[in-house]
C-alpha cells in the first residue's frame, strides 16, 4: 500500500497485477470450462491440478479443482453402481421368468395330452402326478419370489437368537433320513 502511494510503487503494483491476475483468471476459466465438460456428462474428465513439492494443491483454485475432481469421481462411481444394479435386475427378471416358464410349459403340455387322450387314458394317472409335481414346483418358486421381494424391501423383521447347533443338525438329519438312506449315505 505504501509503495502504491508513490509513482514507482504504483507502477510496480500494476506490473505485478498484470503478471499474476491473468494467471488466476486463466486458471478460473480452465476450471469453469472443465466443470461444463463434467456437467455435460464427461465424468471421467479430470481438471489439471497444480501441486507443490509435497503433492498438495498450490493455490485455492487448485484446491477447488481437486475437490471438483473428487466429486466427479464419486458421481462416476454412483453411475457405474447404478448400471450394475440395473444389469443385475434385468438378469434376475430373466432368470425368474425362465424358472416360472419351465413348469408352466410342462403343465400346459400335459393338460393338452390329457385333453387329447381323455381322463380314462391309462397314462392319465401319470400325467396327473407330473402335473401335481410341476404345480408344487411352481408354488415353491412363487413363494420364494415373494419372500425375496419381501426381503429386498426390508419387510421381514430379523430377530437375533442363540441356537443349539447340535439340535438343528439332528433335526435336519431326522427330516432327511429317508432321502439319505435312499442315496445310501
C-alpha atoms as a PDB file:
ATOM      1  CA  UNK A   1       0.000   0.000   0.000  1.00  0.00           C
ATOM      2  CA  UNK A   2       2.820   2.403   0.890  1.00  0.00           C
ATOM      3  CA  UNK A   3       4.598   1.554  -2.372  1.00  0.00           C
ATOM      4  CA  UNK A   4       1.417   2.240  -4.324  1.00  0.00           C
ATOM      5  CA  UNK A   5       1.384   5.795  -2.943  1.00  0.00           C
ATOM      6  CA  UNK A   6       4.439   6.613  -4.955  1.00  0.00           C
ATOM      7  CA  UNK A   7       4.695   6.628  -8.716  1.00  0.00           C
ATOM      8  CA  UNK A   8       7.359   3.952  -8.733  1.00  0.00           C
ATOM      9  CA  UNK A   9       5.334   1.797  -6.285  1.00  0.00           C
ATOM     10  CA  UNK A  10       2.132   2.253  -8.301  1.00  0.00           C
ATOM     11  CA  UNK A  11       3.895   1.197 -11.488  1.00  0.00           C
ATOM     12  CA  UNK A  12       5.432  -1.799  -9.708  1.00  0.00           C
ATOM     13  CA  UNK A  13       1.976  -2.792  -8.319  1.00  0.00           C
ATOM     14  CA  UNK A  14       0.399  -2.511 -11.773  1.00  0.00           C
ATOM     15  CA  UNK A  15       3.123  -4.660 -13.328  1.00  0.00           C
ATOM     16  CA  UNK A  16       2.643  -7.309 -10.633  1.00  0.00           C
ATOM     17  CA  UNK A  17      -1.133  -7.198 -11.141  1.00  0.00           C
ATOM     18  CA  UNK A  18      -0.761  -7.629 -14.889  1.00  0.00           C
ATOM     19  CA  UNK A  19       1.557 -10.613 -14.353  1.00  0.00           C
ATOM     20  CA  UNK A  20      -0.366 -12.540 -11.678  1.00  0.00           C
ATOM     21  CA  UNK A  21      -4.016 -11.708 -12.347  1.00  0.00           C
ATOM     22  CA  UNK A  22      -4.063 -13.212 -15.869  1.00  0.00           C
ATOM     23  CA  UNK A  23      -2.702 -16.477 -14.429  1.00  0.00           C
ATOM     24  CA  UNK A  24      -5.502 -16.589 -11.875  1.00  0.00           C
ATOM     25  CA  UNK A  25      -8.143 -15.666 -14.448  1.00  0.00           C
ATOM     26  CA  UNK A  26      -6.788 -18.329 -16.817  1.00  0.00           C
ATOM     27  CA  UNK A  27      -6.949 -20.958 -14.049  1.00  0.00           C
ATOM     28  CA  UNK A  28     -10.503 -19.875 -13.189  1.00  0.00           C
ATOM     29  CA  UNK A  29     -11.568 -20.118 -16.854  1.00  0.00           C
ATOM     30  CA  UNK A  30      -9.939 -23.556 -17.102  1.00  0.00           C
ATOM     31  CA  UNK A  31     -11.887 -24.746 -14.054  1.00  0.00           C
ATOM     32  CA  UNK A  32     -15.095 -23.238 -15.429  1.00  0.00           C
ATOM     33  CA  UNK A  33     -14.745 -24.971 -18.817  1.00  0.00           C
ATOM     34  CA  UNK A  34     -13.845 -28.242 -17.072  1.00  0.00           C
ATOM     35  CA  UNK A  35     -16.928 -28.011 -14.878  1.00  0.00           C
ATOM     36  CA  UNK A  36     -19.004 -27.530 -18.034  1.00  0.00           C
ATOM     37  CA  UNK A  37     -17.486 -30.704 -19.518  1.00  0.00           C
ATOM     38  CA  UNK A  38     -18.246 -32.692 -16.359  1.00  0.00           C
ATOM     39  CA  UNK A  39     -21.750 -31.191 -16.212  1.00  0.00           C
ATOM     40  CA  UNK A  40     -22.299 -32.315 -19.810  1.00  0.00           C
ATOM     41  CA  UNK A  41     -21.702 -35.917 -18.721  1.00  0.00           C
ATOM     42  CA  UNK A  42     -17.972 -36.353 -19.264  1.00  0.00           C
ATOM     43  CA  UNK A  43     -17.482 -37.707 -15.732  1.00  0.00           C
ATOM     44  CA  UNK A  44     -14.066 -39.202 -16.431  1.00  0.00           C
ATOM     45  CA  UNK A  45     -12.557 -35.798 -17.309  1.00  0.00           C
ATOM     46  CA  UNK A  46     -10.082 -34.528 -14.713  1.00  0.00           C
ATOM     47  CA  UNK A  47      -9.263 -30.886 -14.165  1.00  0.00           C
ATOM     48  CA  UNK A  48      -5.493 -30.318 -14.128  1.00  0.00           C
ATOM     49  CA  UNK A  49      -4.347 -29.506 -10.591  1.00  0.00           C
ATOM     50  CA  UNK A  50      -1.103 -27.676  -9.867  1.00  0.00           C
ATOM     51  CA  UNK A  51       0.718 -29.164  -6.890  1.00  0.00           C
ATOM     52  CA  UNK A  52       3.594 -28.068  -4.732  1.00  0.00           C
ATOM     53  CA  UNK A  53       6.599 -30.224  -3.847  1.00  0.00           C
ATOM     54  CA  UNK A  54       4.631 -32.264  -1.254  1.00  0.00           C
ATOM     55  CA  UNK A  55       1.799 -33.133  -3.673  1.00  0.00           C
ATOM     56  CA  UNK A  56      -0.733 -30.721  -2.176  1.00  0.00           C
ATOM     57  CA  UNK A  57      -2.620 -28.234  -4.348  1.00  0.00           C
ATOM     58  CA  UNK A  58      -0.682 -24.987  -4.781  1.00  0.00           C
ATOM     59  CA  UNK A  59      -3.483 -22.435  -4.659  1.00  0.00           C
ATOM     60  CA  UNK A  60      -7.086 -22.139  -3.597  1.00  0.00           C
ATOM     61  CA  UNK A  61      -8.156 -22.588  -7.213  1.00  0.00           C
ATOM     62  CA  UNK A  62      -6.105 -25.806  -7.394  1.00  0.00           C
ATOM     63  CA  UNK A  63      -7.813 -26.999  -4.211  1.00  0.00           C
ATOM     64  CA  UNK A  64     -11.179 -26.225  -5.807  1.00  0.00           C
ATOM     65  CA  UNK A  65     -10.165 -28.172  -8.936  1.00  0.00           C
ATOM     66  CA  UNK A  66      -9.081 -31.160  -6.812  1.00  0.00           C
ATOM     67  CA  UNK A  67     -12.412 -31.103  -4.946  1.00  0.00           C
ATOM     68  CA  UNK A  68     -14.348 -30.971  -8.216  1.00  0.00           C
ATOM     69  CA  UNK A  69     -12.329 -33.977  -9.431  1.00  0.00           C
ATOM     70  CA  UNK A  70     -13.322 -35.866  -6.260  1.00  0.00           C
ATOM     71  CA  UNK A  71     -16.994 -35.033  -6.838  1.00  0.00           C
ATOM     72  CA  UNK A  72     -16.663 -36.189 -10.440  1.00  0.00           C
ATOM     73  CA  UNK A  73     -15.104 -39.494  -9.294  1.00  0.00           C
ATOM     74  CA  UNK A  74     -17.936 -40.061  -6.816  1.00  0.00           C
ATOM     75  CA  UNK A  75     -20.541 -39.315  -9.477  1.00  0.00           C
ATOM     76  CA  UNK A  76     -18.907 -41.717 -11.916  1.00  0.00           C
ATOM     77  CA  UNK A  77     -18.810 -44.445  -9.237  1.00  0.00           C
ATOM     78  CA  UNK A  78     -22.501 -43.874  -8.492  1.00  0.00           C
ATOM     79  CA  UNK A  79     -23.389 -44.131 -12.194  1.00  0.00           C
ATOM     80  CA  UNK A  80     -21.377 -47.352 -12.561  1.00  0.00           C
ATOM     81  CA  UNK A  81     -23.049 -48.792  -9.462  1.00  0.00           C
ATOM     82  CA  UNK A  82     -26.487 -47.921 -10.830  1.00  0.00           C
ATOM     83  CA  UNK A  83     -25.670 -49.560 -14.172  1.00  0.00           C
ATOM     84  CA  UNK A  84     -24.509 -52.698 -12.363  1.00  0.00           C
ATOM     85  CA  UNK A  85     -27.713 -52.742 -10.312  1.00  0.00           C
ATOM     86  CA  UNK A  86     -29.825 -52.384 -13.455  1.00  0.00           C
ATOM     87  CA  UNK A  87     -27.965 -55.276 -15.128  1.00  0.00           C
ATOM     88  CA  UNK A  88     -28.494 -57.447 -12.052  1.00  0.00           C
ATOM     89  CA  UNK A  89     -32.224 -56.614 -12.015  1.00  0.00           C
ATOM     90  CA  UNK A  90     -32.504 -57.500 -15.685  1.00  0.00           C
ATOM     91  CA  UNK A  91     -30.706 -60.809 -15.096  1.00  0.00           C
ATOM     92  CA  UNK A  92     -32.947 -61.581 -12.130  1.00  0.00           C
ATOM     93  CA  UNK A  93     -36.107 -60.892 -14.112  1.00  0.00           C
ATOM     94  CA  UNK A  94     -34.810 -63.053 -16.954  1.00  0.00           C
ATOM     95  CA  UNK A  95     -33.918 -65.926 -14.614  1.00  0.00           C
ATOM     96  CA  UNK A  96     -37.197 -65.760 -12.696  1.00  0.00           C
ATOM     97  CA  UNK A  97     -39.138 -65.619 -15.953  1.00  0.00           C
ATOM     98  CA  UNK A  98     -37.327 -68.708 -17.221  1.00  0.00           C
ATOM     99  CA  UNK A  99     -37.772 -70.583 -13.928  1.00  0.00           C
ATOM    100  CA  UNK A 100     -41.502 -69.852 -13.884  1.00  0.00           C
ATOM    101  CA  UNK A 101     -41.980 -70.594 -17.576  1.00  0.00           C
ATOM    102  CA  UNK A 102     -40.403 -74.068 -17.418  1.00  0.00           C
ATOM    103  CA  UNK A 103     -43.004 -75.746 -15.155  1.00  0.00           C
ATOM    104  CA  UNK A 104     -45.826 -73.818 -16.819  1.00  0.00           C
ATOM    105  CA  UNK A 105     -44.818 -75.078 -20.267  1.00  0.00           C
ATOM    106  CA  UNK A 106     -44.699 -78.636 -18.961  1.00  0.00           C
ATOM    107  CA  UNK A 107     -48.092 -78.250 -17.284  1.00  0.00           C
ATOM    108  CA  UNK A 108     -49.686 -76.912 -20.471  1.00  0.00           C
ATOM    109  CA  UNK A 109     -48.235 -79.848 -22.454  1.00  0.00           C
ATOM    110  CA  UNK A 110     -49.604 -82.469 -20.060  1.00  0.00           C
ATOM    111  CA  UNK A 111     -53.002 -80.785 -19.908  1.00  0.00           C
ATOM    112  CA  UNK A 112     -53.123 -80.893 -23.722  1.00  0.00           C
ATOM    113  CA  UNK A 113     -52.228 -84.596 -23.633  1.00  0.00           C
ATOM    114  CA  UNK A 114     -54.995 -85.253 -21.126  1.00  0.00           C
ATOM    115  CA  UNK A 115     -57.466 -83.355 -23.314  1.00  0.00           C
ATOM    116  CA  UNK A 116     -56.489 -85.471 -26.314  1.00  0.00           C
ATOM    117  CA  UNK A 117     -56.400 -88.842 -24.547  1.00  0.00           C
ATOM    118  CA  UNK A 118     -59.152 -88.164 -22.022  1.00  0.00           C
ATOM    119  CA  UNK A 119     -59.255 -88.911 -18.315  1.00  0.00           C
ATOM    120  CA  UNK A 120     -59.846 -92.619 -18.994  1.00  0.00           C
ATOM    121  CA  UNK A 121     -56.432 -92.963 -20.660  1.00  0.00           C
ATOM    122  CA  UNK A 122     -54.029 -95.412 -18.995  1.00  0.00           C
ATOM    123  CA  UNK A 123     -51.488 -92.574 -18.877  1.00  0.00           C
ATOM    124  CA  UNK A 124     -53.841 -90.157 -17.060  1.00  0.00           C
ATOM    125  CA  UNK A 125     -52.597 -91.008 -13.518  1.00  0.00           C
ATOM    126  CA  UNK A 126     -49.010 -90.497 -14.659  1.00  0.00           C
ATOM    127  CA  UNK A 127     -49.926 -87.165 -16.252  1.00  0.00           C
ATOM    128  CA  UNK A 128     -51.751 -86.065 -13.110  1.00  0.00           C
ATOM    129  CA  UNK A 129     -48.741 -86.947 -10.979  1.00  0.00           C
ATOM    130  CA  UNK A 130     -46.461 -84.897 -13.230  1.00  0.00           C
ATOM    131  CA  UNK A 131     -48.956 -82.018 -13.189  1.00  0.00           C
ATOM    132  CA  UNK A 132     -49.053 -82.179  -9.391  1.00  0.00           C
ATOM    133  CA  UNK A 133     -45.247 -82.166  -9.234  1.00  0.00           C
ATOM    134  CA  UNK A 134     -44.981 -79.186 -11.593  1.00  0.00           C
ATOM    135  CA  UNK A 135     -47.728 -77.334  -9.721  1.00  0.00           C
ATOM    136  CA  UNK A 136     -45.884 -77.832  -6.431  1.00  0.00           C
ATOM    137  CA  UNK A 137     -42.652 -76.645  -8.064  1.00  0.00           C
ATOM    138  CA  UNK A 138     -44.413 -73.539  -9.382  1.00  0.00           C
ATOM    139  CA  UNK A 139     -45.875 -72.892  -5.939  1.00  0.00           C
ATOM    140  CA  UNK A 140     -42.427 -73.109  -4.314  1.00  0.00           C
ATOM    141  CA  UNK A 141     -40.922 -70.792  -6.936  1.00  0.00           C
ATOM    142  CA  UNK A 142     -43.704 -68.253  -6.434  1.00  0.00           C
ATOM    143  CA  UNK A 143     -43.328 -68.366  -2.644  1.00  0.00           C
ATOM    144  CA  UNK A 144     -39.549 -67.961  -2.955  1.00  0.00           C
ATOM    145  CA  UNK A 145     -40.028 -64.998  -5.266  1.00  0.00           C
ATOM    146  CA  UNK A 146     -42.460 -63.423  -2.813  1.00  0.00           C
ATOM    147  CA  UNK A 147     -40.036 -63.977   0.085  1.00  0.00           C
ATOM    148  CA  UNK A 148     -37.165 -62.492  -1.938  1.00  0.00           C
ATOM    149  CA  UNK A 149     -39.280 -59.425  -2.717  1.00  0.00           C
ATOM    150  CA  UNK A 150     -40.144 -59.035   0.978  1.00  0.00           C
ATOM    151  CA  UNK A 151     -36.501 -59.437   1.979  1.00  0.00           C
ATOM    152  CA  UNK A 152     -35.258 -56.869  -0.540  1.00  0.00           C
ATOM    153  CA  UNK A 153     -37.851 -54.349   0.597  1.00  0.00           C
ATOM    154  CA  UNK A 154     -36.872 -54.837   4.236  1.00  0.00           C
ATOM    155  CA  UNK A 155     -40.340 -56.098   5.210  1.00  0.00           C
ATOM    156  CA  UNK A 156     -39.014 -59.190   7.011  1.00  0.00           C
ATOM    157  CA  UNK A 157     -38.183 -58.494  10.647  1.00  0.00           C
ATOM    158  CA  UNK A 158     -34.975 -60.088  11.880  1.00  0.00           C
ATOM    159  CA  UNK A 159     -34.637 -61.309  15.458  1.00  0.00           C
ATOM    160  CA  UNK A 160     -31.228 -62.490  16.577  1.00  0.00           C
ATOM    161  CA  UNK A 161     -31.306 -65.589  18.768  1.00  0.00           C
ATOM    162  CA  UNK A 162     -28.856 -68.151  20.005  1.00  0.00           C
ATOM    163  CA  UNK A 163     -29.478 -71.668  18.742  1.00  0.00           C
ATOM    164  CA  UNK A 164     -28.296 -75.138  19.644  1.00  0.00           C
ATOM    165  CA  UNK A 165     -26.418 -76.206  16.528  1.00  0.00           C
ATOM    166  CA  UNK A 166     -26.417 -79.876  17.580  1.00  0.00           C
ATOM    167  CA  UNK A 167     -30.216 -79.912  17.800  1.00  0.00           C
ATOM    168  CA  UNK A 168     -30.512 -78.227  14.415  1.00  0.00           C
ATOM    169  CA  UNK A 169     -28.247 -80.815  12.773  1.00  0.00           C
ATOM    170  CA  UNK A 170     -30.084 -83.699  14.479  1.00  0.00           C
ATOM    171  CA  UNK A 171     -33.462 -82.356  13.375  1.00  0.00           C
ATOM    172  CA  UNK A 172     -32.223 -81.891   9.796  1.00  0.00           C
ATOM    173  CA  UNK A 173     -30.808 -85.421   9.711  1.00  0.00           C
ATOM    174  CA  UNK A 174     -34.127 -86.762  11.053  1.00  0.00           C
ATOM    175  CA  UNK A 175     -36.106 -84.945   8.362  1.00  0.00           C
ATOM    176  CA  UNK A 176     -33.739 -86.076   5.625  1.00  0.00           C
ATOM    177  CA  UNK A 177     -33.180 -89.648   6.855  1.00  0.00           C
ATOM    178  CA  UNK A 178     -35.346 -91.237   4.138  1.00  0.00           C
ATOM    179  CA  UNK A 179     -33.506 -89.406   1.369  1.00  0.00           C
ATOM    180  CA  UNK A 180     -30.131 -90.155   2.917  1.00  0.00           C
ATOM    181  CA  UNK A 181     -30.994 -93.852   3.203  1.00  0.00           C
ATOM    182  CA  UNK A 182     -32.263 -93.943  -0.380  1.00  0.00           C
ATOM    183  CA  UNK A 183     -28.962 -92.425  -1.550  1.00  0.00           C
ATOM    184  CA  UNK A 184     -27.034 -94.862   0.721  1.00  0.00           C
ATOM    185  CA  UNK A 185     -25.418 -92.024   2.647  1.00  0.00           C
END
